[in-house]
Amino acid sequence: SISPVQVAYTREINPTSNSAPAVATLNFLSYLFVALFSNLCGLMLDTFAPSLVEGIKVYGRNSYLLFFLFATLVSAIGFISVRHLPESNGKNIYETR
């Protein structure tokens, strides 16, 4: 789910009349990202063949290294993106841009 900080910021950077559709779009995109990210992570783990232990897949070190490298990359992109957002000081800044 989305955090209150994301909802507040989304309301502050969009026109007041469009704040509800903006928050709804943010919510949709959050769930879409979770769906895509989880499937992509499954594909990445399957890149290196898992071993079967009593019928259960056990992924090796390389599978998890690839997964955590990808997660670190996504986190770094998110951090860099957030650093480029303008400060709103709790006010709607759509009109001032």
Protein backbone atom coordinates (compact mmCIF):
# COMPACT_ATOMS: atom_id res chain seq x y z
CA SER A 1 0.00 0.00 0.00
CA ILE A 2 1.06 3.61 -0.28
CA SER A 3 2.39 5.69 2.57
CA PRO A 4 0.72 8.83 3.98
CA VAL A 5 3.78 10.84 2.91
CA GLN A 6 3.23 9.87 -0.73
CA VAL A 7 -0.46 10.76 -0.54
CA ALA A 8 0.25 14.13 1.05
CA TYR A 9 2.94 15.00 -1.47
CA THR A 10 0.77 13.89 -4.39
CA ARG A 11 -1.99 16.21 -3.18
CA GLU A 12 0.49 19.09 -2.84
CA ILE A 13 1.97 18.87 -6.35
CA ASN A 14 -1.31 18.53 -8.27
CA PRO A 15 -4.16 20.97 -8.79
CA THR A 16 -6.67 20.87 -5.94
CA SER A 17 -9.43 19.82 -8.32
CA ASN A 18 -7.39 16.79 -9.45
CA SER A 19 -6.11 15.57 -6.09
CA ALA A 20 -8.52 12.61 -5.85
CA PRO A 21 -7.66 11.19 -9.30
CA ALA A 22 -3.96 11.79 -8.59
CA VAL A 23 -4.11 9.79 -5.34
CA ALA A 24 -6.14 7.06 -7.06
CA THR A 25 -3.53 6.85 -9.83
CA LEU A 26 -0.75 6.66 -7.23
CA ASN A 27 -2.59 3.83 -5.48
CA PHE A 28 -3.07 1.96 -8.77
CA LEU A 29 0.58 2.38 -9.74
CA SER A 30 1.71 1.14 -6.33
CA TYR A 31 -0.25 -2.10 -6.70
CA LEU A 32 0.85 -2.47 -10.33
CA PHE A 33 4.50 -2.11 -9.29
CA VAL A 34 4.08 -4.75 -6.59
CA ALA A 35 2.58 -7.16 -9.12
CA LEU A 36 5.30 -6.55 -11.69
CA PHE A 37 8.14 -6.49 -9.15
CA SER A 38 7.13 -9.78 -7.51
CA ASN A 39 6.88 -11.58 -10.86
CA LEU A 40 10.19 -10.12 -12.01
CA CYS A 41 11.85 -11.22 -8.78
CA GLY A 42 10.54 -14.74 -9.31
CA LEU A 43 11.99 -14.77 -12.82
CA MET A 44 15.32 -13.51 -11.50
CA LEU A 45 15.45 -16.21 -8.84
CA ASP A 46 14.75 -18.83 -11.52
CA THR A 47 17.68 -17.52 -13.60
CA PHE A 48 19.93 -19.85 -11.62
CA ALA A 49 18.40 -23.30 -11.34
CA PRO A 50 17.21 -24.04 -7.80
CA SER A 51 17.90 -27.36 -6.16
CA LEU A 52 15.02 -29.54 -5.01
CA VAL A 53 15.03 -30.65 -1.39
CA GLU A 54 12.13 -32.98 -0.62
CA GLY A 55 10.16 -31.40 -3.47
CA ILE A 56 10.78 -27.82 -2.33
CA LYS A 57 12.76 -25.35 -4.44
CA VAL A 58 15.82 -24.04 -2.63
CA TYR A 59 17.50 -21.12 -4.36
CA GLY A 60 21.24 -20.73 -4.22
CA ARG A 61 23.53 -17.84 -3.38
CA ASN A 62 23.70 -16.48 -6.94
CA SER A 63 19.91 -16.23 -7.18
CA TYR A 64 19.74 -14.13 -4.04
CA LEU A 65 22.72 -11.99 -5.05
CA LEU A 66 20.96 -11.13 -8.32
CA PHE A 67 17.72 -10.37 -6.48
CA PHE A 68 19.35 -8.10 -3.88
CA LEU A 69 21.43 -6.35 -6.55
CA PHE A 70 18.22 -5.56 -8.41
CA ALA A 71 16.49 -4.41 -5.20
CA THR A 72 19.46 -2.17 -4.37
CA LEU A 73 19.38 -0.68 -7.87
CA VAL A 74 15.63 0.05 -7.63
CA SER A 75 16.16 1.62 -4.19
CA ALA A 76 18.99 3.81 -5.48
CA ILE A 77 16.85 5.01 -8.39
CA GLY A 78 14.07 5.84 -5.94
CA PHE A 79 16.43 7.73 -3.65
CA ILE A 80 17.88 9.75 -6.53
CA SER A 81 14.37 10.52 -7.81
CA VAL A 82 13.20 11.75 -4.42
CA ARG A 83 16.17 14.10 -4.17
CA HIS A 84 14.89 15.92 -7.29
CA LEU A 85 11.40 16.64 -5.90
CA PRO A 86 10.72 20.26 -4.97
CA GLU A 87 10.01 21.10 -1.31
CA SER A 88 6.35 21.92 -0.76
CA ASN A 89 6.44 23.04 2.90
CA GLY A 90 2.99 21.50 3.38
CA LYS A 91 1.32 23.76 0.80
CA ASN A 92 -0.04 23.13 -2.67
CA ILE A 93 2.78 24.11 -5.02
CA TYR A 94 1.07 23.34 -8.32
CA GLU A 95 0.31 26.99 -9.05
CA THR A 96 3.81 28.17 -8.15
CA ARG A 97 5.65 25.94 -10.61
